[in-house]
Amino acid sequence: MANEQVITTIRDMAAEMLSPYPEYFVVDVRIKPTNNIKLFVDGDNGVPVDKLVAFNRNLYSRLEEATLFPDNDFSLEVSSPGLDEPLKLLRQYVKNIGRKVTVTLLDNSEKEGTLLSATEAVVTIEEQVGKKKEKKTTEINLNEIKHTKVCIVF
């Protein structure tokens, strides 16, 4: 089975597994050449570690039954996306409203500010510009965004 098909199958299995828990959702599935599967799950209010452990066990059993890998030679990691992972889904943008983000545009320029809102088409941030740090509201079309990361503020 081609890698993309396997990823789609795993994504579907994970979505089905999460269906009783509407507050959780699949963000991404990656498979390394060593058959190390990484499933990123997020939640509208985060994901507790005990839930990630339960999801890991559940999905591992499903993968063994599905025999997607010869001799069931695979490893599985289920985690929430870390702060180093970019936002990928609208739900992640909505979850992070009010937080400081760095938006990298397709031309590799960056905009930094507080995330004010997000829709299917547009992200709105409040930037501080100039020496006087004047506040400026900026709308960015999602199709112009290369990636968005949440900033760690101390």
C-alpha atoms as a PDB file:
ATOM      1  CA  MET A   1       0.000   0.000   0.000  1.00  0.00           C
ATOM      2  CA  ALA A   2       1.407   3.413  -0.922  1.00  0.00           C
ATOM      3  CA  ASN A   3       2.411   5.702   1.928  1.00  0.00           C
ATOM      4  CA  GLU A   4      -0.331   8.269   1.222  1.00  0.00           C
ATOM      5  CA  GLN A   5      -2.966   5.536   1.297  1.00  0.00           C
ATOM      6  CA  VAL A   6      -1.608   4.256   4.620  1.00  0.00           C
ATOM      7  CA  ILE A   7      -1.648   7.783   6.054  1.00  0.00           C
ATOM      8  CA  THR A   8      -5.241   8.249   4.881  1.00  0.00           C
ATOM      9  CA  THR A   9      -6.235   4.900   6.395  1.00  0.00           C
ATOM     10  CA  ILE A  10      -4.583   5.758   9.719  1.00  0.00           C
ATOM     11  CA  ARG A  11      -6.160   9.234   9.707  1.00  0.00           C
ATOM     12  CA  ASP A  12      -9.585   7.650   9.119  1.00  0.00           C
ATOM     13  CA  MET A  13      -9.014   5.087  11.893  1.00  0.00           C
ATOM     14  CA  ALA A  14      -7.953   7.836  14.294  1.00  0.00           C
ATOM     15  CA  ALA A  15     -10.939  10.032  13.380  1.00  0.00           C
ATOM     16  CA  GLU A  16     -13.279   7.094  13.983  1.00  0.00           C
ATOM     17  CA  MET A  17     -11.568   6.399  17.315  1.00  0.00           C
ATOM     18  CA  LEU A  18     -11.999  10.062  18.336  1.00  0.00           C
ATOM     19  CA  SER A  19     -15.626  10.312  17.173  1.00  0.00           C
ATOM     20  CA  PRO A  20     -17.051   9.750  20.706  1.00  0.00           C
ATOM     21  CA  TYR A  21     -14.924  12.705  21.855  1.00  0.00           C
ATOM     22  CA  PRO A  22     -15.983  15.751  19.792  1.00  0.00           C
ATOM     23  CA  GLU A  23     -13.560  18.024  21.662  1.00  0.00           C
ATOM     24  CA  TYR A  24     -10.548  16.155  20.170  1.00  0.00           C
ATOM     25  CA  PHE A  25      -9.413  16.086  16.558  1.00  0.00           C
ATOM     26  CA  VAL A  26      -6.656  14.713  14.330  1.00  0.00           C
ATOM     27  CA  VAL A  27      -4.127  17.345  13.261  1.00  0.00           C
ATOM     28  CA  ASP A  28      -1.600  15.287  11.331  1.00  0.00           C
ATOM     29  CA  VAL A  29      -0.273  11.795  10.634  1.00  0.00           C
ATOM     30  CA  ARG A  30       3.337  11.180   9.622  1.00  0.00           C
ATOM     31  CA  ILE A  31       5.162   7.952   8.878  1.00  0.00           C
ATOM     32  CA  LYS A  32       8.941   7.698   8.885  1.00  0.00           C
ATOM     33  CA  PRO A  33      10.693   5.163   6.604  1.00  0.00           C
ATOM     34  CA  THR A  34      11.225   3.003   9.718  1.00  0.00           C
ATOM     35  CA  ASN A  35       7.411   2.648  10.039  1.00  0.00           C
ATOM     36  CA  ASN A  36       7.365   4.987  13.012  1.00  0.00           C
ATOM     37  CA  ILE A  37       3.868   6.470  12.969  1.00  0.00           C
ATOM     38  CA  LYS A  38       3.310   9.858  14.572  1.00  0.00           C
ATOM     39  CA  LEU A  39      -0.277  10.888  15.200  1.00  0.00           C
ATOM     40  CA  PHE A  40      -0.873  14.445  16.373  1.00  0.00           C
ATOM     41  CA  VAL A  41      -4.151  14.938  18.248  1.00  0.00           C
ATOM     42  CA  ASP A  42      -5.339  18.278  19.595  1.00  0.00           C
ATOM     43  CA  GLY A  43      -8.323  19.379  21.599  1.00  0.00           C
ATOM     44  CA  ASP A  44     -10.329  22.549  21.914  1.00  0.00           C
ATOM     45  CA  ASN A  45      -8.946  22.802  25.472  1.00  0.00           C
ATOM     46  CA  GLY A  46      -5.784  20.735  25.017  1.00  0.00           C
ATOM     47  CA  VAL A  47      -5.420  16.981  25.502  1.00  0.00           C
ATOM     48  CA  PRO A  48      -4.585  15.385  28.873  1.00  0.00           C
ATOM     49  CA  VAL A  49      -1.736  12.864  28.864  1.00  0.00           C
ATOM     50  CA  ASP A  50      -4.005  10.042  30.075  1.00  0.00           C
ATOM     51  CA  LYS A  51      -6.231  10.548  27.009  1.00  0.00           C
ATOM     52  CA  LEU A  52      -3.190  10.422  24.699  1.00  0.00           C
ATOM     53  CA  VAL A  53      -2.119   7.148  26.340  1.00  0.00           C
ATOM     54  CA  ALA A  54      -5.618   5.694  25.896  1.00  0.00           C
ATOM     55  CA  PHE A  55      -5.744   6.846  22.255  1.00  0.00           C
ATOM     56  CA  ASN A  56      -2.311   5.286  21.651  1.00  0.00           C
ATOM     57  CA  ARG A  57      -3.395   1.900  23.020  1.00  0.00           C
ATOM     58  CA  ASN A  58      -6.681   1.966  21.114  1.00  0.00           C
ATOM     59  CA  LEU A  59      -5.098   2.920  17.793  1.00  0.00           C
ATOM     60  CA  TYR A  60      -2.223   0.457  18.249  1.00  0.00           C
ATOM     61  CA  SER A  61      -4.735  -2.393  18.561  1.00  0.00           C
ATOM     62  CA  ARG A  62      -6.608  -1.191  15.487  1.00  0.00           C
ATOM     63  CA  LEU A  63      -3.375  -1.009  13.487  1.00  0.00           C
ATOM     64  CA  GLU A  64      -2.392  -4.539  14.509  1.00  0.00           C
ATOM     65  CA  GLU A  65      -5.787  -5.834  13.393  1.00  0.00           C
ATOM     66  CA  ALA A  66      -5.569  -3.970  10.084  1.00  0.00           C
ATOM     67  CA  THR A  67      -2.123  -5.470   9.275  1.00  0.00           C
ATOM     68  CA  LEU A  68      -1.064  -2.400   7.296  1.00  0.00           C
ATOM     69  CA  PHE A  69       2.603  -3.219   7.906  1.00  0.00           C
ATOM     70  CA  PRO A  70       4.292  -6.573   7.176  1.00  0.00           C
ATOM     71  CA  ASP A  71       4.684  -8.625  10.380  1.00  0.00           C
ATOM     72  CA  ASN A  72       3.104  -5.665  12.243  1.00  0.00           C
ATOM     73  CA  ASP A  73       6.532  -4.026  12.174  1.00  0.00           C
ATOM     74  CA  PHE A  74       5.639  -0.485  13.257  1.00  0.00           C
ATOM     75  CA  SER A  75       5.840   1.843  16.226  1.00  0.00           C
ATOM     76  CA  LEU A  76       3.244   4.416  17.213  1.00  0.00           C
ATOM     77  CA  GLU A  77       3.517   7.779  18.933  1.00  0.00           C
ATOM     78  CA  VAL A  78       0.369   9.713  19.797  1.00  0.00           C
ATOM     79  CA  SER A  79       0.930  13.243  21.062  1.00  0.00           C
ATOM     80  CA  SER A  80      -0.454  16.717  20.939  1.00  0.00           C
ATOM     81  CA  PRO A  81       1.337  19.059  18.552  1.00  0.00           C
ATOM     82  CA  GLY A  82       4.057  20.943  20.387  1.00  0.00           C
ATOM     83  CA  LEU A  83       4.639  24.663  20.186  1.00  0.00           C
ATOM     84  CA  ASP A  84       7.198  24.022  17.461  1.00  0.00           C
ATOM     85  CA  GLU A  85       4.476  22.602  15.203  1.00  0.00           C
ATOM     86  CA  PRO A  86       2.640  25.111  12.983  1.00  0.00           C
ATOM     87  CA  LEU A  87      -1.112  25.591  13.184  1.00  0.00           C
ATOM     88  CA  LYS A  88      -2.778  23.561  10.436  1.00  0.00           C
ATOM     89  CA  LEU A  89      -6.506  23.593  11.072  1.00  0.00           C
ATOM     90  CA  LEU A  90      -9.102  26.315  11.628  1.00  0.00           C
ATOM     91  CA  ARG A  91      -9.905  24.744  15.023  1.00  0.00           C
ATOM     92  CA  GLN A  92      -6.295  25.312  16.075  1.00  0.00           C
ATOM     93  CA  TYR A  93      -6.448  28.958  15.023  1.00  0.00           C
ATOM     94  CA  VAL A  94      -9.721  29.438  16.934  1.00  0.00           C
ATOM     95  CA  LYS A  95      -8.275  27.702  20.002  1.00  0.00           C
ATOM     96  CA  ASN A  96      -5.326  30.133  19.993  1.00  0.00           C
ATOM     97  CA  ILE A  97      -7.274  33.390  19.662  1.00  0.00           C
ATOM     98  CA  GLY A  98      -5.770  35.898  22.074  1.00  0.00           C
ATOM     99  CA  ARG A  99      -2.267  34.422  21.861  1.00  0.00           C
ATOM    100  CA  LYS A 100       0.757  35.919  20.168  1.00  0.00           C
ATOM    101  CA  VAL A 101       1.591  34.293  16.807  1.00  0.00           C
ATOM    102  CA  THR A 102       4.152  34.591  14.052  1.00  0.00           C
ATOM    103  CA  VAL A 103       2.673  34.246  10.580  1.00  0.00           C
ATOM    104  CA  THR A 104       5.097  33.398   7.781  1.00  0.00           C
ATOM    105  CA  LEU A 105       3.739  34.369   4.382  1.00  0.00           C
ATOM    106  CA  LEU A 106       4.437  32.598   1.096  1.00  0.00           C
ATOM    107  CA  ASP A 107       7.082  35.232   0.235  1.00  0.00           C
ATOM    108  CA  ASN A 108       8.817  34.313   3.564  1.00  0.00           C
ATOM    109  CA  SER A 109       8.025  37.680   5.132  1.00  0.00           C
ATOM    110  CA  GLU A 110       6.713  37.505   8.691  1.00  0.00           C
ATOM    111  CA  LYS A 111       4.004  39.253  10.646  1.00  0.00           C
ATOM    112  CA  GLU A 112       3.827  38.990  14.406  1.00  0.00           C
ATOM    113  CA  GLY A 113       0.924  39.917  16.597  1.00  0.00           C
ATOM    114  CA  THR A 114      -1.984  38.821  18.708  1.00  0.00           C
ATOM    115  CA  LEU A 115      -4.425  36.502  16.965  1.00  0.00           C
ATOM    116  CA  LEU A 116      -7.806  38.248  17.033  1.00  0.00           C
ATOM    117  CA  SER A 117      -9.961  35.995  14.851  1.00  0.00           C
ATOM    118  CA  ALA A 118      -9.907  33.233  12.278  1.00  0.00           C
ATOM    119  CA  THR A 119     -12.357  32.125   9.609  1.00  0.00           C
ATOM    120  CA  GLU A 120     -12.183  29.638   6.746  1.00  0.00           C
ATOM    121  CA  ALA A 121     -10.621  32.372   4.601  1.00  0.00           C
ATOM    122  CA  VAL A 122      -8.962  35.029   6.788  1.00  0.00           C
ATOM    123  CA  VAL A 123      -6.830  35.327   9.909  1.00  0.00           C
ATOM    124  CA  THR A 124      -6.836  38.661  11.735  1.00  0.00           C
ATOM    125  CA  ILE A 125      -3.924  39.718  13.934  1.00  0.00           C
ATOM    126  CA  GLU A 126      -3.140  42.859  15.876  1.00  0.00           C
ATOM    127  CA  GLU A 127       0.412  43.999  15.185  1.00  0.00           C
ATOM    128  CA  GLN A 128       2.458  46.590  17.022  1.00  0.00           C
ATOM    129  CA  VAL A 129       4.218  48.769  14.462  1.00  0.00           C
ATOM    130  CA  GLY A 130       6.695  51.619  14.578  1.00  0.00           C
ATOM    131  CA  LYS A 131       8.780  52.973  17.426  1.00  0.00           C
ATOM    132  CA  LYS A 132       5.665  53.979  19.349  1.00  0.00           C
ATOM    133  CA  LYS A 133       4.299  50.434  19.075  1.00  0.00           C
ATOM    134  CA  GLU A 134       1.032  51.607  17.567  1.00  0.00           C
ATOM    135  CA  LYS A 135      -1.559  48.864  17.199  1.00  0.00           C
ATOM    136  CA  LYS A 136      -2.592  47.915  13.676  1.00  0.00           C
ATOM    137  CA  THR A 137      -5.170  45.285  12.729  1.00  0.00           C
ATOM    138  CA  THR A 138      -4.068  43.131   9.791  1.00  0.00           C
ATOM    139  CA  GLU A 139      -6.162  40.618   7.861  1.00  0.00           C
ATOM    140  CA  ILE A 140      -4.264  37.821   6.128  1.00  0.00           C
ATOM    141  CA  ASN A 141      -5.826  35.442   3.619  1.00  0.00           C
ATOM    142  CA  LEU A 142      -5.204  31.821   4.590  1.00  0.00           C
ATOM    143  CA  ASN A 143      -4.047  31.033   1.050  1.00  0.00           C
ATOM    144  CA  GLU A 144      -1.196  33.562   1.542  1.00  0.00           C
ATOM    145  CA  ILE A 145       0.110  31.829   4.688  1.00  0.00           C
ATOM    146  CA  LYS A 146       3.044  29.445   4.548  1.00  0.00           C
ATOM    147  CA  HIS A 147       2.704  28.613   8.262  1.00  0.00           C
ATOM    148  CA  THR A 148       1.675  30.083  11.601  1.00  0.00           C
ATOM    149  CA  LYS A 149       3.316  29.339  14.928  1.00  0.00           C
ATOM    150  CA  VAL A 150       2.273  30.281  18.438  1.00  0.00           C
ATOM    151  CA  CYS A 151       4.930  32.382  20.194  1.00  0.00           C
ATOM    152  CA  ILE A 152       6.151  31.448  23.627  1.00  0.00           C
ATOM    153  CA  VAL A 153       5.758  34.473  25.871  1.00  0.00           C
ATOM    154  CA  PHE A 154       7.364  34.612  29.321  1.00  0.00           C
END
